[in-house]
């Protein structure tokens, strides 16, 4: 049942679904990336929320877009 729910959420988000070779794990990547870059959540909090280490989250689950990185640089530089 949970797979169907997540599959539906992936479709709503415009992400590839299980039929495309991806499943609920894709949602984990999406959540980690968005919490970190769009919601500015501290990496430690993202890791704790997802039940993993900071190293694993940063090396495996974060996939920022060029726009996300650009916004991060702008915020860091005060623009």
Protein backbone atom coordinates (compact mmCIF):
# COMPACT_ATOMS: atom_id res chain seq x y z
CA UNK A 1 0.00 0.00 0.00
CA UNK A 2 2.76 2.46 0.92
CA UNK A 3 4.46 1.83 -2.43
CA UNK A 4 1.29 2.86 -4.27
CA UNK A 5 1.02 6.04 -2.23
CA UNK A 6 4.65 7.00 -2.82
CA UNK A 7 4.39 6.06 -6.50
CA UNK A 8 1.43 8.44 -6.78
CA UNK A 9 3.37 11.17 -4.97
CA UNK A 10 6.32 10.72 -7.35
CA UNK A 11 4.00 11.12 -10.33
CA UNK A 12 2.48 14.27 -8.79
CA UNK A 13 5.97 15.68 -8.31
CA UNK A 14 6.91 14.90 -11.91
CA UNK A 15 9.57 12.38 -10.86
CA UNK A 16 10.21 9.00 -12.42
CA UNK A 17 8.23 6.17 -10.90
CA UNK A 18 8.75 2.49 -10.23
CA UNK A 19 7.66 1.68 -13.77
CA UNK A 20 10.55 3.87 -14.91
CA UNK A 21 13.00 1.91 -12.79
CA UNK A 22 12.59 4.04 -9.67
CA UNK A 23 10.39 3.70 -6.65
CA UNK A 24 10.02 4.97 -3.10
CA UNK A 25 13.78 5.42 -2.82
CA UNK A 26 13.51 8.25 -5.37
CA UNK A 27 11.26 10.06 -2.91
CA UNK A 28 14.00 9.86 -0.28
CA UNK A 29 16.42 11.65 -2.63
CA UNK A 30 13.77 14.28 -3.40
CA UNK A 31 12.98 14.90 0.28
CA UNK A 32 16.64 15.12 1.34
CA UNK A 33 17.50 17.56 -1.44
CA UNK A 34 14.49 19.79 -0.89
CA UNK A 35 14.80 19.91 2.88
CA UNK A 36 18.45 20.90 2.59
CA UNK A 37 18.37 23.37 -0.29
CA UNK A 38 14.82 24.73 -0.54
CA UNK A 39 13.87 24.71 3.13
CA UNK A 40 17.42 25.44 4.35
CA UNK A 41 17.31 22.63 6.89
CA UNK A 42 20.60 21.91 8.62
CA UNK A 43 22.31 18.79 7.24
CA UNK A 44 22.37 17.19 10.69
CA UNK A 45 18.60 17.61 10.98
CA UNK A 46 18.02 16.15 7.50
CA UNK A 47 20.19 13.17 8.43
CA UNK A 48 18.38 12.62 11.72
CA UNK A 49 14.97 12.93 10.09
CA UNK A 50 15.88 10.36 7.44
CA UNK A 51 17.65 8.11 9.94
CA UNK A 52 21.07 8.26 8.36
CA UNK A 53 24.46 9.93 8.82
CA UNK A 54 25.40 13.35 7.49
CA UNK A 55 28.08 11.72 5.34
CA UNK A 56 25.61 9.32 3.73
CA UNK A 57 23.01 12.01 3.15
CA UNK A 58 25.49 14.42 1.59
CA UNK A 59 27.25 11.84 -0.57
CA UNK A 60 24.29 9.74 -1.65
CA UNK A 61 21.00 11.60 -1.36
CA UNK A 62 21.58 15.26 -2.14
CA UNK A 63 21.14 16.19 -5.80
CA UNK A 64 20.91 19.98 -5.98
CA UNK A 65 20.00 21.66 -9.23
CA UNK A 66 22.07 24.51 -10.62
CA UNK A 67 19.37 26.91 -9.42
CA UNK A 68 19.53 25.51 -5.88
CA UNK A 69 23.29 26.00 -5.80
CA UNK A 70 22.97 29.49 -7.25
CA UNK A 71 20.46 30.43 -4.53
CA UNK A 72 22.74 28.94 -1.86
CA UNK A 73 25.66 31.06 -3.11
CA UNK A 74 23.49 34.18 -3.19
CA UNK A 75 22.29 33.62 0.37
CA UNK A 76 25.85 32.99 1.57
CA UNK A 77 27.09 36.17 -0.06
CA UNK A 78 24.16 38.22 1.23
CA UNK A 79 22.58 38.94 -2.18
